[in-house]
PDB file of all heavy atoms in Angstrom:
ATOM      1  N   ILE A   1     -33.541  23.079  31.944  1.00  0.00           N
ATOM      2  CA  ILE A   1     -32.098  23.501  31.974  1.00  0.00           C
ATOM      3  C   ILE A   1     -31.923  24.693  33.009  1.00  0.00           C
ATOM      4  O   ILE A   1     -31.014  24.787  33.727  1.00  0.00           O
ATOM      5  CB  ILE A   1     -31.617  23.941  30.559  1.00  0.00           C
ATOM      6  CG1 ILE A   1     -31.576  22.653  29.730  1.00  0.00           C
ATOM      7  CG2 ILE A   1     -30.302  24.617  30.645  1.00  0.00           C
ATOM      8  CD1 ILE A   1     -31.313  22.972  28.247  1.00  0.00           C
ATOM      9  N   LEU A   2     -32.874  25.549  32.914  1.00  0.00           N
ATOM     10  CA  LEU A   2     -32.760  26.803  33.809  1.00  0.00           C
ATOM     11  C   LEU A   2     -33.010  26.368  35.259  1.00  0.00           C
ATOM     12  O   LEU A   2     -32.422  27.014  36.132  1.00  0.00           O
ATOM     13  CB  LEU A   2     -33.892  27.786  33.335  1.00  0.00           C
ATOM     14  CG  LEU A   2     -33.652  28.560  31.973  1.00  0.00           C
ATOM     15  CD1 LEU A   2     -34.828  29.357  31.608  1.00  0.00           C
ATOM     16  CD2 LEU A   2     -32.382  29.435  32.120  1.00  0.00           C
ATOM     17  N   ALA A   3     -33.834  25.415  35.515  1.00  0.00           N
ATOM     18  CA  ALA A   3     -34.263  24.978  36.810  1.00  0.00           C
ATOM     19  C   ALA A   3     -33.146  24.129  37.536  1.00  0.00           C
ATOM     20  O   ALA A   3     -32.804  24.258  38.719  1.00  0.00           O
ATOM     21  CB  ALA A   3     -35.525  24.336  36.898  1.00  0.00           C
ATOM     22  N   TYR A   4     -32.532  23.213  36.773  1.00  0.00           N
ATOM     23  CA  TYR A   4     -31.728  22.129  37.300  1.00  0.00           C
ATOM     24  C   TYR A   4     -30.222  22.215  36.845  1.00  0.00           C
ATOM     25  O   TYR A   4     -29.441  21.364  37.183  1.00  0.00           O
ATOM     26  CB  TYR A   4     -32.337  20.824  37.050  1.00  0.00           C
ATOM     27  CG  TYR A   4     -33.597  20.602  37.586  1.00  0.00           C
ATOM     28  CD1 TYR A   4     -34.746  20.637  36.803  1.00  0.00           C
ATOM     29  CD2 TYR A   4     -33.801  20.356  38.951  1.00  0.00           C
ATOM     30  CE1 TYR A   4     -36.035  20.465  37.326  1.00  0.00           C
ATOM     31  CE2 TYR A   4     -35.049  20.248  39.482  1.00  0.00           C
ATOM     32  CZ  TYR A   4     -36.205  20.258  38.657  1.00  0.00           C
ATOM     33  OH  TYR A   4     -37.458  20.064  39.247  1.00  0.00           O
ATOM     34  N   GLY A   5     -29.828  23.174  36.063  1.00  0.00           N
ATOM     35  CA  GLY A   5     -28.462  23.387  35.741  1.00  0.00           C
ATOM     36  C   GLY A   5     -27.892  22.230  34.916  1.00  0.00           C
ATOM     37  O   GLY A   5     -28.482  21.825  33.948  1.00  0.00           O
ATOM     38  N   SER A   6     -26.712  21.762  35.344  1.00  0.00           N
ATOM     39  CA  SER A   6     -26.003  20.747  34.618  1.00  0.00           C
ATOM     40  C   SER A   6     -26.901  19.372  34.598  1.00  0.00           C
ATOM     41  O   SER A   6     -26.913  18.690  33.533  1.00  0.00           O
ATOM     42  CB  SER A   6     -24.639  20.349  35.245  1.00  0.00           C
ATOM     43  OG  SER A   6     -23.792  21.482  35.100  1.00  0.00           O
ATOM     44  N   PHE A   7     -27.541  19.044  35.688  1.00  0.00           N
ATOM     45  CA  PHE A   7     -28.397  17.939  35.663  1.00  0.00           C
ATOM     46  C   PHE A   7     -29.521  18.081  34.645  1.00  0.00           C
ATOM     47  O   PHE A   7     -29.936  17.137  34.036  1.00  0.00           O
ATOM     48  CB  PHE A   7     -28.922  17.659  37.057  1.00  0.00           C
ATOM     49  CG  PHE A   7     -29.861  16.472  37.118  1.00  0.00           C
ATOM     50  CD1 PHE A   7     -29.341  15.173  37.025  1.00  0.00           C
ATOM     51  CD2 PHE A   7     -31.274  16.535  37.285  1.00  0.00           C
ATOM     52  CE1 PHE A   7     -30.092  14.060  37.162  1.00  0.00           C
ATOM     53  CE2 PHE A   7     -32.059  15.467  37.389  1.00  0.00           C
ATOM     54  CZ  PHE A   7     -31.475  14.208  37.287  1.00  0.00           C
ATOM     55  N   GLY A   8     -30.000  19.343  34.526  1.00  0.00           N
ATOM     56  CA  GLY A   8     -31.126  19.631  33.561  1.00  0.00           C
ATOM     57  C   GLY A   8     -30.570  19.436  32.183  1.00  0.00           C
ATOM     58  O   GLY A   8     -31.308  18.946  31.268  1.00  0.00           O
ATOM     59  N   LEU A   9     -29.316  19.771  31.955  1.00  0.00           N
ATOM     60  CA  LEU A   9     -28.744  19.545  30.558  1.00  0.00           C
ATOM     61  C   LEU A   9     -28.592  18.037  30.324  1.00  0.00           C
ATOM     62  O   LEU A   9     -28.900  17.600  29.155  1.00  0.00           O
ATOM     63  CB  LEU A   9     -27.284  20.080  30.518  1.00  0.00           C
ATOM     64  CG  LEU A   9     -27.133  21.639  30.373  1.00  0.00           C
ATOM     65  CD1 LEU A   9     -25.671  22.071  30.462  1.00  0.00           C
ATOM     66  CD2 LEU A   9     -27.699  22.079  29.029  1.00  0.00           C
ATOM     67  N   PHE A  10     -28.322  17.312  31.313  1.00  0.00           N
ATOM     68  CA  PHE A  10     -28.161  15.799  31.175  1.00  0.00           C
ATOM     69  C   PHE A  10     -29.537  15.240  30.802  1.00  0.00           C
ATOM     70  O   PHE A  10     -29.703  14.437  29.788  1.00  0.00           O
ATOM     71  CB  PHE A  10     -27.698  15.202  32.466  1.00  0.00           C
ATOM     72  CG  PHE A  10     -27.735  13.644  32.505  1.00  0.00           C
ATOM     73  CD1 PHE A  10     -26.806  12.913  31.663  1.00  0.00           C
ATOM     74  CD2 PHE A  10     -28.668  13.011  33.342  1.00  0.00           C
ATOM     75  CE1 PHE A  10     -26.861  11.569  31.760  1.00  0.00           C
ATOM     76  CE2 PHE A  10     -28.706  11.619  33.322  1.00  0.00           C
ATOM     77  CZ  PHE A  10     -27.738  10.912  32.536  1.00  0.00           C
ATOM     78  N   ILE A  11     -30.555  15.661  31.456  1.00  0.00           N
ATOM     79  CA  ILE A  11     -32.010  15.146  31.215  1.00  0.00           C
ATOM     80  C   ILE A  11     -32.437  15.630  29.905  1.00  0.00           C
ATOM     81  O   ILE A  11     -33.082  14.834  29.030  1.00  0.00           O
ATOM     82  CB  ILE A  11     -32.950  15.602  32.344  1.00  0.00           C
ATOM     83  CG1 ILE A  11     -32.554  14.997  33.662  1.00  0.00           C
ATOM     84  CG2 ILE A  11     -34.407  15.226  31.964  1.00  0.00           C
ATOM     85  CD1 ILE A  11     -32.567  13.523  33.700  1.00  0.00           C
ATOM     86  N   ALA A  12     -32.195  16.895  29.511  1.00  0.00           N
ATOM     87  CA  ALA A  12     -32.541  17.468  28.210  1.00  0.00           C
ATOM     88  C   ALA A  12     -31.858  16.767  27.051  1.00  0.00           C
ATOM     89  O   ALA A  12     -32.430  16.506  26.060  1.00  0.00           O
ATOM     90  CB  ALA A  12     -32.326  18.984  28.193  1.00  0.00           C
ATOM     91  N   ALA A  13     -30.615  16.396  27.253  1.00  0.00           N
ATOM     92  CA  ALA A  13     -29.847  15.701  26.141  1.00  0.00           C
ATOM     93  C   ALA A  13     -30.346  14.317  25.913  1.00  0.00           C
ATOM     94  O   ALA A  13     -30.509  13.895  24.698  1.00  0.00           O
ATOM     95  CB  ALA A  13     -28.420  15.654  26.660  1.00  0.00           C
ATOM     96  N   ILE A  14     -30.777  13.614  26.974  1.00  0.00           N
ATOM     97  CA  ILE A  14     -31.449  12.319  26.840  1.00  0.00           C
ATOM     98  C   ILE A  14     -32.694  12.488  26.086  1.00  0.00           C
ATOM     99  O   ILE A  14     -33.037  11.777  25.104  1.00  0.00           O
ATOM    100  CB  ILE A  14     -31.753  11.656  28.217  1.00  0.00           C
ATOM    101  CG1 ILE A  14     -30.370  11.251  28.931  1.00  0.00           C
ATOM    102  CG2 ILE A  14     -32.513  10.371  27.998  1.00  0.00           C
ATOM    103  CD1 ILE A  14     -30.615  10.788  30.344  1.00  0.00           C
ATOM    104  N   THR A  15     -33.538  13.433  26.498  1.00  0.00           N
ATOM    105  CA  THR A  15     -34.816  13.716  25.820  1.00  0.00           C
ATOM    106  C   THR A  15     -34.709  14.071  24.316  1.00  0.00           C
ATOM    107  O   THR A  15     -35.429  13.545  23.446  1.00  0.00           O
ATOM    108  CB  THR A  15     -35.596  14.809  26.573  1.00  0.00           C
ATOM    109  OG1 THR A  15     -35.786  14.540  27.906  1.00  0.00           O
ATOM    110  CG2 THR A  15     -36.982  15.013  25.839  1.00  0.00           C
ATOM    111  N   GLU A  16     -33.718  14.875  24.060  1.00  0.00           N
ATOM    112  CA  GLU A  16     -33.396  15.316  22.685  1.00  0.00           C
ATOM    113  C   GLU A  16     -33.004  14.128  21.826  1.00  0.00           C
ATOM    114  O   GLU A  16     -33.416  14.014  20.660  1.00  0.00           O
ATOM    115  CB  GLU A  16     -32.192  16.369  22.733  1.00  0.00           C
ATOM    116  CG  GLU A  16     -31.900  16.771  21.313  1.00  0.00           C
ATOM    117  CD  GLU A  16     -30.642  17.716  21.393  1.00  0.00           C
ATOM    118  OE1 GLU A  16     -30.777  18.916  21.529  1.00  0.00           O
ATOM    119  OE2 GLU A  16     -29.495  17.174  21.241  1.00  0.00           O
ATOM    120  N   GLU A  17     -32.212  13.173  22.375  1.00  0.00           N
ATOM    121  CA  GLU A  17     -31.813  12.026  21.616  1.00  0.00           C
ATOM    122  C   GLU A  17     -32.952  11.067  21.366  1.00  0.00           C
ATOM    123  O   GLU A  17     -32.917  10.389  20.387  1.00  0.00           O
ATOM    124  CB  GLU A  17     -30.651  11.346  22.366  1.00  0.00           C
ATOM    125  CG  GLU A  17     -29.902  10.356  21.594  1.00  0.00           C
ATOM    126  CD  GLU A  17     -28.861  11.061  20.505  1.00  0.00           C
ATOM    127  OE1 GLU A  17     -28.820  12.295  20.612  1.00  0.00           O
ATOM    128  OE2 GLU A  17     -28.325  10.374  19.756  1.00  0.00           O
ATOM    129  N   LEU A  18     -33.877  11.006  22.293  1.00  0.00           N
ATOM    130  CA  LEU A  18     -35.014  10.087  22.123  1.00  0.00           C
ATOM    131  C   LEU A  18     -36.066  10.525  21.187  1.00  0.00           C
ATOM    132  O   LEU A  18     -36.785   9.773  20.500  1.00  0.00           O
ATOM    133  CB  LEU A  18     -35.582   9.740  23.470  1.00  0.00           C
ATOM    134  CG  LEU A  18     -34.729   8.960  24.497  1.00  0.00           C
ATOM    135  CD1 LEU A  18     -35.432   8.929  25.849  1.00  0.00           C
ATOM    136  CD2 LEU A  18     -34.359   7.590  23.959  1.00  0.00           C
ATOM    137  N   ILE A  19     -36.305  11.906  21.195  1.00  0.00           N
ATOM    138  CA  ILE A  19     -37.390  12.416  20.335  1.00  0.00           C
ATOM    139  C   ILE A  19     -36.821  13.072  19.075  1.00  0.00           C
ATOM    140  O   ILE A  19     -36.152  14.171  19.197  1.00  0.00           O
ATOM    141  CB  ILE A  19     -38.155  13.580  21.191  1.00  0.00           C
ATOM    142  CG1 ILE A  19     -38.691  12.928  22.519  1.00  0.00           C
ATOM    143  CG2 ILE A  19     -39.267  14.145  20.406  1.00  0.00           C
ATOM    144  CD1 ILE A  19     -39.387  13.949  23.381  1.00  0.00           C
ATOM    145  N   ALA A  20     -36.983  12.428  18.036  1.00  0.00           N
ATOM    146  CA  ALA A  20     -36.471  12.699  16.724  1.00  0.00           C
ATOM    147  C   ALA A  20     -36.708  14.141  16.233  1.00  0.00           C
ATOM    148  O   ALA A  20     -35.720  14.831  15.785  1.00  0.00           O
ATOM    149  CB  ALA A  20     -36.841  11.723  15.675  1.00  0.00           C
ATOM    150  N   PRO A  21     -37.835  14.699  16.332  1.00  0.00           N
ATOM    151  CA  PRO A  21     -38.161  16.044  15.731  1.00  0.00           C
ATOM    152  C   PRO A  21     -37.370  17.155  16.426  1.00  0.00           C
ATOM    153  O   PRO A  21     -37.298  18.278  15.836  1.00  0.00           O
ATOM    154  CB  PRO A  21     -39.667  16.200  15.880  1.00  0.00           C
ATOM    155  CG  PRO A  21     -40.207  14.910  16.028  1.00  0.00           C
ATOM    156  CD  PRO A  21     -39.154  14.100  16.761  1.00  0.00           C
ATOM    157  N   ILE A  22     -36.864  17.005  17.643  1.00  0.00           N
ATOM    158  CA  ILE A  22     -36.161  18.071  18.287  1.00  0.00           C
ATOM    159  C   ILE A  22     -34.847  18.346  17.601  1.00  0.00           C
ATOM    160  O   ILE A  22     -34.066  17.399  17.379  1.00  0.00           O
ATOM    161  CB  ILE A  22     -35.902  17.776  19.820  1.00  0.00           C
ATOM    162  CG1 ILE A  22     -37.242  17.522  20.516  1.00  0.00           C
ATOM    163  CG2 ILE A  22     -35.128  18.844  20.442  1.00  0.00           C
ATOM    164  CD1 ILE A  22     -37.097  17.077  21.929  1.00  0.00           C
ATOM    165  N   PRO A  23     -34.464  19.521  17.269  1.00  0.00           N
ATOM    166  CA  PRO A  23     -33.203  19.853  16.703  1.00  0.00           C
ATOM    167  C   PRO A  23     -32.093  19.311  17.454  1.00  0.00           C
ATOM    168  O   PRO A  23     -31.930  19.565  18.713  1.00  0.00           O
ATOM    169  CB  PRO A  23     -33.171  21.385  16.549  1.00  0.00           C
ATOM    170  CG  PRO A  23     -34.621  21.755  16.600  1.00  0.00           C
ATOM    171  CD  PRO A  23     -35.305  20.805  17.455  1.00  0.00           C
ATOM    172  N   SER A  24     -31.157  18.591  16.917  1.00  0.00           N
ATOM    173  CA  SER A  24     -30.103  17.880  17.676  1.00  0.00           C
ATOM    174  C   SER A  24     -29.067  18.794  18.258  1.00  0.00           C
ATOM    175  O   SER A  24     -28.337  18.409  19.149  1.00  0.00           O
ATOM    176  CB  SER A  24     -29.374  16.917  16.734  1.00  0.00           C
ATOM    177  OG  SER A  24     -28.730  17.600  15.712  1.00  0.00           O
ATOM    178  N   SER A  25     -29.015  20.023  17.849  1.00  0.00           N
ATOM    179  CA  SER A  25     -28.090  20.967  18.427  1.00  0.00           C
ATOM    180  C   SER A  25     -28.763  21.856  19.449  1.00  0.00           C
ATOM    181  O   SER A  25     -28.027  22.719  20.030  1.00  0.00           O
ATOM    182  CB  SER A  25     -27.485  21.883  17.285  1.00  0.00           C
ATOM    183  OG  SER A  25     -28.525  22.591  16.598  1.00  0.00           O
ATOM    184  N   PHE A  26     -30.009  21.791  19.701  1.00  0.00           N
ATOM    185  CA  PHE A  26     -30.744  22.733  20.495  1.00  0.00           C
ATOM    186  C   PHE A  26     -30.194  22.816  22.027  1.00  0.00           C
ATOM    187  O   PHE A  26     -29.871  23.838  22.515  1.00  0.00           O
ATOM    188  CB  PHE A  26     -32.235  22.402  20.517  1.00  0.00           C
ATOM    189  CG  PHE A  26     -33.002  23.208  21.579  1.00  0.00           C
ATOM    190  CD1 PHE A  26     -33.295  24.537  21.313  1.00  0.00           C
ATOM    191  CD2 PHE A  26     -33.417  22.683  22.823  1.00  0.00           C
ATOM    192  CE1 PHE A  26     -34.017  25.322  22.209  1.00  0.00           C
ATOM    193  CE2 PHE A  26     -34.093  23.376  23.715  1.00  0.00           C
ATOM    194  CZ  PHE A  26     -34.336  24.771  23.408  1.00  0.00           C
ATOM    195  N   VAL A  27     -30.069  21.600  22.597  1.00  0.00           N
ATOM    196  CA  VAL A  27     -29.697  21.607  23.979  1.00  0.00           C
ATOM    197  C   VAL A  27     -28.299  22.094  24.174  1.00  0.00           C
ATOM    198  O   VAL A  27     -27.913  22.828  25.109  1.00  0.00           O
ATOM    199  CB  VAL A  27     -29.772  20.133  24.503  1.00  0.00           C
ATOM    200  CG1 VAL A  27     -29.109  20.004  25.931  1.00  0.00           C
ATOM    201  CG2 VAL A  27     -31.224  19.684  24.594  1.00  0.00           C
ATOM    202  N   ILE A  28     -27.340  21.759  23.255  1.00  0.00           N
ATOM    203  CA  ILE A  28     -26.023  22.228  23.404  1.00  0.00           C
ATOM    204  C   ILE A  28     -25.864  23.744  23.209  1.00  0.00           C
ATOM    205  O   ILE A  28     -25.284  24.455  24.010  1.00  0.00           O
ATOM    206  CB  ILE A  28     -25.124  21.611  22.320  1.00  0.00           C
ATOM    207  CG1 ILE A  28     -25.157  20.057  22.391  1.00  0.00           C
ATOM    208  CG2 ILE A  28     -23.668  22.003  22.462  1.00  0.00           C
ATOM    209  CD1 ILE A  28     -24.448  19.378  21.268  1.00  0.00           C
ATOM    210  N   LEU A  29     -26.576  24.256  22.219  1.00  0.00           N
ATOM    211  CA  LEU A  29     -26.602  25.735  22.022  1.00  0.00           C
ATOM    212  C   LEU A  29     -27.195  26.479  23.221  1.00  0.00           C
ATOM    213  O   LEU A  29     -26.683  27.520  23.732  1.00  0.00           O
ATOM    214  CB  LEU A  29     -27.326  26.164  20.811  1.00  0.00           C
ATOM    215  CG  LEU A  29     -26.631  25.650  19.418  1.00  0.00           C
ATOM    216  CD1 LEU A  29     -27.487  25.872  18.266  1.00  0.00           C
ATOM    217  CD2 LEU A  29     -25.321  26.487  19.176  1.00  0.00           C
ATOM    218  N   THR A  30     -28.296  25.869  23.715  1.00  0.00           N
ATOM    219  CA  THR A  30     -28.940  26.476  24.887  1.00  0.00           C
ATOM    220  C   THR A  30     -28.005  26.454  26.162  1.00  0.00           C
ATOM    221  O   THR A  30     -27.954  27.451  26.828  1.00  0.00           O
ATOM    222  CB  THR A  30     -30.228  25.686  25.302  1.00  0.00           C
ATOM    223  OG1 THR A  30     -31.108  25.703  24.080  1.00  0.00           O
ATOM    224  CG2 THR A  30     -31.006  26.361  26.444  1.00  0.00           C
ATOM    225  N   GLY A  31     -27.365  25.293  26.298  1.00  0.00           N
ATOM    226  CA  GLY A  31     -26.399  25.225  27.452  1.00  0.00           C
ATOM    227  C   GLY A  31     -25.300  26.300  27.437  1.00  0.00           C
ATOM    228  O   GLY A  31     -24.959  26.903  28.415  1.00  0.00           O
ATOM    229  N   GLY A  32     -24.784  26.417  26.208  1.00  0.00           N
ATOM    230  CA  GLY A  32     -23.649  27.460  26.052  1.00  0.00           C
ATOM    231  C   GLY A  32     -24.118  28.866  26.367  1.00  0.00           C
ATOM    232  O   GLY A  32     -23.443  29.619  27.000  1.00  0.00           O
TER     233      GLY A  32
END
């Protein structure tokens, strides 16, 4: 997210959705 900005958010969101143990709100809170 820090390195790629909005595109990083897009990639991180896909990863978050695929990997169940990651908190589902993490990427959104981090982006904000």
